[in-house]
Every structure is written in C-alpha cells, then in structure tokens.
Amino acid sequence: MTQSDSHSQTPPAPSIAQVALIGLFVTALVTAQVTASKVLAFPMPFSLPITGAELVLPGAALAYALTFLASDCYAELYGRRAAQVVVNVAFAMNFVVLLLIWSTIAAPADVSSIDPEMFEAVLGASTNIVLGSLFAYVVSQNWDVIVFHRIRDHTGREKLWLRNIASTASSQAIDTVIFVAIAFSLSPALLGVGPSLGASEVLALMVGQYLLKLAIAVVDTPIVYAVVAFVRARNRGAADEPSPS
C-alpha cells in the first residue's frame, strides 16, 4: 500500500460540533448519575393534586434533560444511526461510572479523609440511580431517536419544532416512570442501599420531574433550531471555501 493510498483511507476527523454535542451528552449524563440522589423541592404559587404546593424532583432532572437536547441536535445533524451509536455507547459507559464509584468506596481511606461511611452514603446511592438510569436510558433515548426520525421521514427538514417536542415529551415520560420507580423504590428495597420511598412520594417525584422536563422540551426547541442552523451554516461555509491547490 502506498502512502497516498493510506492517506486516502484515513477517516475524516470529527467536527467540532460533533465532539461538542457528544461531550455535552456524556457530561450531562455523568452529572445526572451523581446528583440524582438529592431530592429537590421548589415552592409553587399554586397547589397541584399530586405534588401539592411544592414541585418535587430528583437533582438529576436538569442535567438529564440536557442529554435529550444534545441527542436531538445530533440526530438532526448526523442521522439516526449515528445518534443511536452515541446513545448506546454512552449507555455502556454507565457501567464504567458504577465500577469507578464502587472501587473508590471499597478502597482504603487515609485518616485525613472525610468519613468513609458518609462518602459511601452519598455516592453509594448512585447505585440505585445508575440502575434506574440504565433501564430508563436505553429505552427512552432509543425511543427519542426513533420518534424523532419517524416524524422526520414524513416532514423532511420542516417542522423541527414538532420532532423535538414530540420525541422529547414522549421519551421523557417513559424515562421518568422507569427511572423514578427503580431508583427510588425498587432498587433500594431489593439492595438495601438508600431509602425506599412510598408510593405517594414516588408519584410526586414522577410528576415533578416530568413537568420540569416537559417545560425544558418546549424551552430548548429554539436552542435546537439555533444549534442546527449554526452548524449547517458553518458546514456550508466550509464547503464553499476553495480547496488548496
């Protein structure tokens, strides 16, 4: 094989946009795993039948919602197959997160360290979060990509807002039910790690998390438009540049 043949078979380098979107996706995913065990409560000016006067949700809700923003941008720009590869590889990385957390918990601590039991209590709960995320993630993220592209098959490049809201709203509903049920009820009860919440508390978490995610799905639609338009404009500009002679 000649040197020119070797260079001709070198795959193109990923663009800055590809790396940035994958980086945002993975960063938000890992952040969600280590922050979800904190239950947030936001006071509201009105009362809802299930949640009452507070919007209760896991600490990971905001970070995890960013994964859908990143995956929708990526799916629109690079296609269904590429988006599903990113989703499924990141899914496997959840096991790496779990392995690193538990290996750190199991490692001996120096006398100057923070209380190992406190450390385990905080990060050990990540086991429930990761287990809940694993099941919820693989179902909801693939559903998000499938719905996004099923709508795109019928609309072409038009109605990006419809693809973004419909795919995110439906996938977030699936994700919320699976994640909260496993992470805050089933897994703690079966493994004995962390508190197992009652049915009313679990339902309140589901409603609170989904309402926030639904609001984010609407709010992030112009962001998806802006990102896609910016990247496509950059790509067109790069394609129009004369190649070096």
Protein backbone atom coordinates (compact mmCIF):
# COMPACT_ATOMS: atom_id res chain seq x y z
CA MET A 1 0.00 0.00 0.00
CA THR A 2 1.38 3.38 -1.00
CA GLN A 3 1.47 6.37 1.31
CA SER A 4 -1.19 8.13 -0.78
CA ASP A 5 -3.48 5.08 -0.53
CA SER A 6 -3.02 5.06 3.25
CA HIS A 7 -3.97 8.73 3.50
CA SER A 8 -6.98 8.27 1.20
CA GLN A 9 -8.40 5.63 3.55
CA THR A 10 -7.99 7.72 6.70
CA PRO A 11 -11.47 8.52 8.04
CA PRO A 12 -12.33 12.22 8.26
CA ALA A 13 -11.78 13.85 11.63
CA PRO A 14 -14.95 14.58 13.61
CA SER A 15 -16.08 18.17 13.50
CA ILE A 16 -16.02 20.49 16.50
CA ALA A 17 -19.82 20.34 16.58
CA GLN A 18 -19.81 16.53 16.76
CA VAL A 19 -17.28 16.49 19.60
CA ALA A 20 -19.10 19.28 21.46
CA LEU A 21 -22.51 17.59 21.25
CA ILE A 22 -21.11 14.21 22.33
CA GLY A 23 -19.18 15.94 25.10
CA LEU A 24 -22.33 17.72 26.32
CA PHE A 25 -24.27 14.47 26.17
CA VAL A 26 -21.75 12.48 28.23
CA THR A 27 -21.11 15.34 30.69
CA ALA A 28 -24.82 15.76 31.39
CA LEU A 29 -25.29 12.01 31.71
CA VAL A 30 -22.49 11.53 34.25
CA THR A 31 -23.57 14.63 36.19
CA ALA A 32 -27.08 13.22 36.41
CA GLN A 33 -25.80 9.97 37.91
CA VAL A 34 -24.01 11.64 40.81
CA THR A 35 -26.60 14.33 41.59
CA ALA A 36 -29.87 12.39 41.34
CA SER A 37 -29.91 11.10 44.92
CA LYS A 38 -30.65 14.62 46.21
CA VAL A 39 -34.39 15.26 46.11
CA LEU A 40 -35.20 18.88 45.24
CA ALA A 41 -38.33 20.76 46.33
CA PHE A 42 -39.36 24.03 44.67
CA PRO A 43 -42.26 26.02 46.19
CA MET A 44 -45.06 26.94 43.77
CA PRO A 45 -47.61 29.76 43.97
CA PHE A 46 -50.41 27.20 43.49
CA SER A 47 -51.14 23.63 44.56
CA LEU A 48 -51.40 20.57 42.31
CA PRO A 49 -53.46 17.46 43.18
CA ILE A 50 -50.45 15.11 43.43
CA THR A 51 -47.46 17.29 44.21
CA GLY A 52 -49.18 19.83 46.44
CA ALA A 53 -47.60 23.28 46.77
CA GLU A 54 -44.08 22.02 46.02
CA LEU A 55 -42.54 20.69 42.82
CA VAL A 56 -40.51 17.69 43.97
CA LEU A 57 -37.95 16.12 41.64
CA PRO A 58 -34.58 14.33 41.62
CA GLY A 59 -31.48 16.51 41.47
CA ALA A 60 -30.57 15.00 38.11
CA ALA A 61 -33.62 16.33 36.27
CA LEU A 62 -31.93 19.38 34.72
CA ALA A 63 -28.71 17.59 33.79
CA TYR A 64 -30.56 14.63 32.30
CA ALA A 65 -32.83 16.88 30.25
CA LEU A 66 -29.70 18.24 28.55
CA THR A 67 -28.99 14.76 27.17
CA PHE A 68 -32.15 14.99 25.07
CA LEU A 69 -31.19 18.44 23.80
CA ALA A 70 -27.81 17.08 22.72
CA SER A 71 -29.21 13.89 21.18
CA ASP A 72 -31.90 15.75 19.21
CA CYS A 73 -29.31 18.16 17.79
CA TYR A 74 -27.02 15.25 16.96
CA ALA A 75 -29.82 13.21 15.35
CA GLU A 76 -30.92 16.14 13.19
CA LEU A 77 -27.37 16.90 12.03
CA TYR A 78 -25.82 13.44 11.65
CA GLY A 79 -28.69 10.99 11.27
CA ARG A 80 -30.47 8.27 13.21
CA ARG A 81 -27.73 5.65 13.01
CA ALA A 82 -25.03 8.00 14.30
CA ALA A 83 -27.28 9.21 17.14
CA GLN A 84 -28.12 5.67 18.25
CA VAL A 85 -24.42 4.75 18.29
CA VAL A 86 -23.74 7.67 20.65
CA VAL A 87 -26.73 6.74 22.84
CA ASN A 88 -25.77 3.08 23.13
CA VAL A 89 -22.05 3.66 23.71
CA ALA A 90 -22.88 6.17 26.43
CA PHE A 91 -25.24 3.57 27.91
CA ALA A 92 -22.31 1.18 28.29
CA MET A 93 -20.31 3.94 29.98
CA ASN A 94 -22.83 3.88 32.84
CA PHE A 95 -21.24 0.60 33.92
CA VAL A 96 -17.85 2.32 33.97
CA VAL A 97 -19.30 5.04 36.23
CA LEU A 98 -20.70 2.40 38.59
CA LEU A 99 -17.42 0.46 38.64
CA LEU A 100 -15.37 3.57 39.41
CA ILE A 101 -17.73 4.66 42.19
CA TRP A 102 -17.72 1.30 43.96
CA SER A 103 -13.99 0.74 43.52
CA THR A 104 -13.40 4.14 45.17
CA ILE A 105 -15.79 3.27 48.01
CA ALA A 106 -14.06 -0.09 48.55
CA ALA A 107 -10.52 1.37 48.51
CA PRO A 108 -8.93 2.01 51.95
CA ALA A 109 -9.20 5.58 53.23
CA ASP A 110 -6.46 7.70 54.79
CA VAL A 111 -7.04 9.09 58.29
CA SER A 112 -7.23 12.60 56.82
CA SER A 113 -10.08 11.58 54.51
CA ILE A 114 -13.70 12.54 55.02
CA ASP A 115 -15.82 9.98 56.86
CA PRO A 116 -15.86 6.83 54.64
CA GLU A 117 -19.39 5.98 55.79
CA MET A 118 -20.61 9.43 54.79
CA PHE A 119 -18.80 9.08 51.47
CA GLU A 120 -20.47 5.71 50.87
CA ALA A 121 -23.87 7.03 51.94
CA VAL A 122 -23.68 9.83 49.38
CA LEU A 123 -22.10 8.03 46.43
CA GLY A 124 -23.38 4.55 47.25
CA ALA A 125 -26.88 5.77 46.48
CA SER A 126 -25.59 6.26 42.94
CA THR A 127 -26.02 2.50 42.53
CA ASN A 128 -29.79 2.93 42.65
CA ILE A 129 -29.53 5.93 40.34
CA VAL A 130 -27.36 4.11 37.82
CA LEU A 131 -29.57 1.02 37.83
CA GLY A 132 -32.66 3.15 37.31
CA SER A 133 -30.88 5.14 34.64
CA LEU A 134 -29.69 2.05 32.80
CA PHE A 135 -33.17 0.72 32.19
CA ALA A 136 -34.77 4.11 31.65
CA TYR A 137 -31.95 5.39 29.47
CA VAL A 138 -31.71 2.57 26.96
CA VAL A 139 -35.49 2.60 26.40
CA SER A 140 -36.14 6.35 26.39
CA GLN A 141 -33.10 7.53 24.43
CA ASN A 142 -33.64 4.99 21.65
CA TRP A 143 -37.35 5.86 21.64
CA ASP A 144 -36.38 9.53 21.33
CA VAL A 145 -34.21 8.87 18.27
CA ILE A 146 -36.81 6.57 16.65
CA VAL A 147 -39.72 9.01 17.11
CA PHE A 148 -37.56 11.95 16.02
CA HIS A 149 -36.66 10.26 12.73
CA ARG A 150 -40.10 8.72 12.17
CA ILE A 151 -41.53 12.25 12.18
CA ARG A 152 -38.61 13.49 10.06
CA ASP A 153 -39.39 10.82 7.45
CA HIS A 154 -42.82 12.45 7.00
CA THR A 155 -41.83 16.10 7.32
CA GLY A 156 -38.32 16.23 5.84
CA ARG A 157 -36.33 19.16 7.21
CA GLU A 158 -39.51 21.07 8.00
CA LYS A 159 -41.14 21.21 11.46
CA LEU A 160 -38.04 20.59 13.55
CA TRP A 161 -40.05 22.01 16.48
CA LEU A 162 -42.56 19.15 16.14
CA ARG A 163 -39.82 16.50 16.07
CA ASN A 164 -38.06 17.99 19.06
CA ILE A 165 -41.13 18.41 21.28
CA ALA A 166 -42.90 15.17 20.33
CA SER A 167 -39.84 12.95 20.65
CA THR A 168 -38.63 14.55 23.86
CA ALA A 169 -42.04 14.73 25.56
CA SER A 170 -42.87 11.07 24.90
CA SER A 171 -39.39 9.75 25.70
CA GLN A 172 -39.19 11.82 28.89
CA ALA A 173 -42.49 10.32 30.09
CA ILE A 174 -41.11 6.81 29.58
CA ASP A 175 -37.80 7.74 31.16
CA THR A 176 -39.37 9.37 34.21
CA VAL A 177 -41.66 6.47 35.10
CA ILE A 178 -38.95 3.81 34.72
CA PHE A 179 -36.19 5.81 36.39
CA VAL A 180 -38.08 7.01 39.47
CA ALA A 181 -39.74 3.63 40.09
CA ILE A 182 -36.42 1.76 40.02
CA ALA A 183 -34.08 4.34 41.57
CA PHE A 184 -36.28 5.45 44.46
CA SER A 185 -38.40 2.38 45.20
CA LEU A 186 -37.50 -0.99 43.67
CA SER A 187 -33.69 -0.85 43.82
CA PRO A 188 -33.41 0.47 47.41
CA ALA A 189 -35.93 -2.13 48.59
CA LEU A 190 -34.12 -5.01 46.86
CA LEU A 191 -30.50 -3.95 47.51
CA GLY A 192 -30.93 -2.26 50.88
CA VAL A 193 -28.94 0.78 49.69
CA GLY A 194 -30.55 4.13 50.40
CA PRO A 195 -34.14 4.87 51.46
CA SER A 196 -37.07 3.31 49.61
CA LEU A 197 -39.80 5.91 49.11
CA GLY A 198 -43.51 5.26 49.43
CA ALA A 199 -45.97 5.21 46.54
CA SER A 200 -47.20 8.78 47.08
CA GLU A 201 -43.63 10.13 47.23
CA VAL A 202 -42.64 8.20 44.10
CA LEU A 203 -45.68 9.51 42.23
CA ALA A 204 -44.90 13.08 43.31
CA LEU A 205 -41.32 12.66 42.04
CA MET A 206 -42.59 11.35 38.70
CA VAL A 207 -44.98 14.27 38.24
CA GLY A 208 -42.46 16.89 39.35
CA GLN A 209 -39.66 15.54 37.17
CA TYR A 210 -41.89 15.18 34.12
CA LEU A 211 -43.33 18.69 34.42
CA LEU A 212 -39.82 20.15 34.51
CA LYS A 213 -38.66 18.00 31.60
CA LEU A 214 -41.73 18.95 29.57
CA ALA A 215 -41.06 22.64 30.20
CA ILE A 216 -37.43 22.17 29.17
CA ALA A 217 -38.53 20.36 25.99
CA VAL A 218 -40.53 23.45 24.99
CA VAL A 219 -37.87 25.94 26.07
CA ASP A 220 -34.99 24.12 24.38
CA THR A 221 -36.72 23.98 20.97
CA PRO A 222 -35.34 27.37 19.84
CA ILE A 223 -31.94 26.26 21.14
CA VAL A 224 -32.10 23.15 18.94
CA TYR A 225 -33.05 25.36 15.97
CA ALA A 226 -30.16 27.73 16.69
CA VAL A 227 -27.57 24.95 17.09
CA VAL A 228 -28.67 23.12 13.93
CA ALA A 229 -28.78 26.35 11.88
CA PHE A 230 -25.36 27.43 13.16
CA VAL A 231 -23.69 24.09 12.42
CA ARG A 232 -25.24 23.82 8.96
CA ALA A 233 -24.17 27.37 8.14
CA ARG A 234 -20.63 26.55 9.26
CA ASN A 235 -20.65 23.38 7.17
CA ARG A 236 -21.87 25.27 4.08
CA GLY A 237 -19.21 27.90 4.63
CA ALA A 238 -16.50 25.27 4.89
CA ALA A 239 -17.78 23.53 1.74
CA ASP A 240 -17.71 26.81 -0.21
CA GLU A 241 -14.09 27.52 0.69
CA PRO A 242 -11.70 26.81 -2.21
CA SER A 243 -9.58 23.74 -1.65
CA PRO A 244 -5.81 24.25 -1.52
CA SER A 245 -4.12 23.58 -4.83
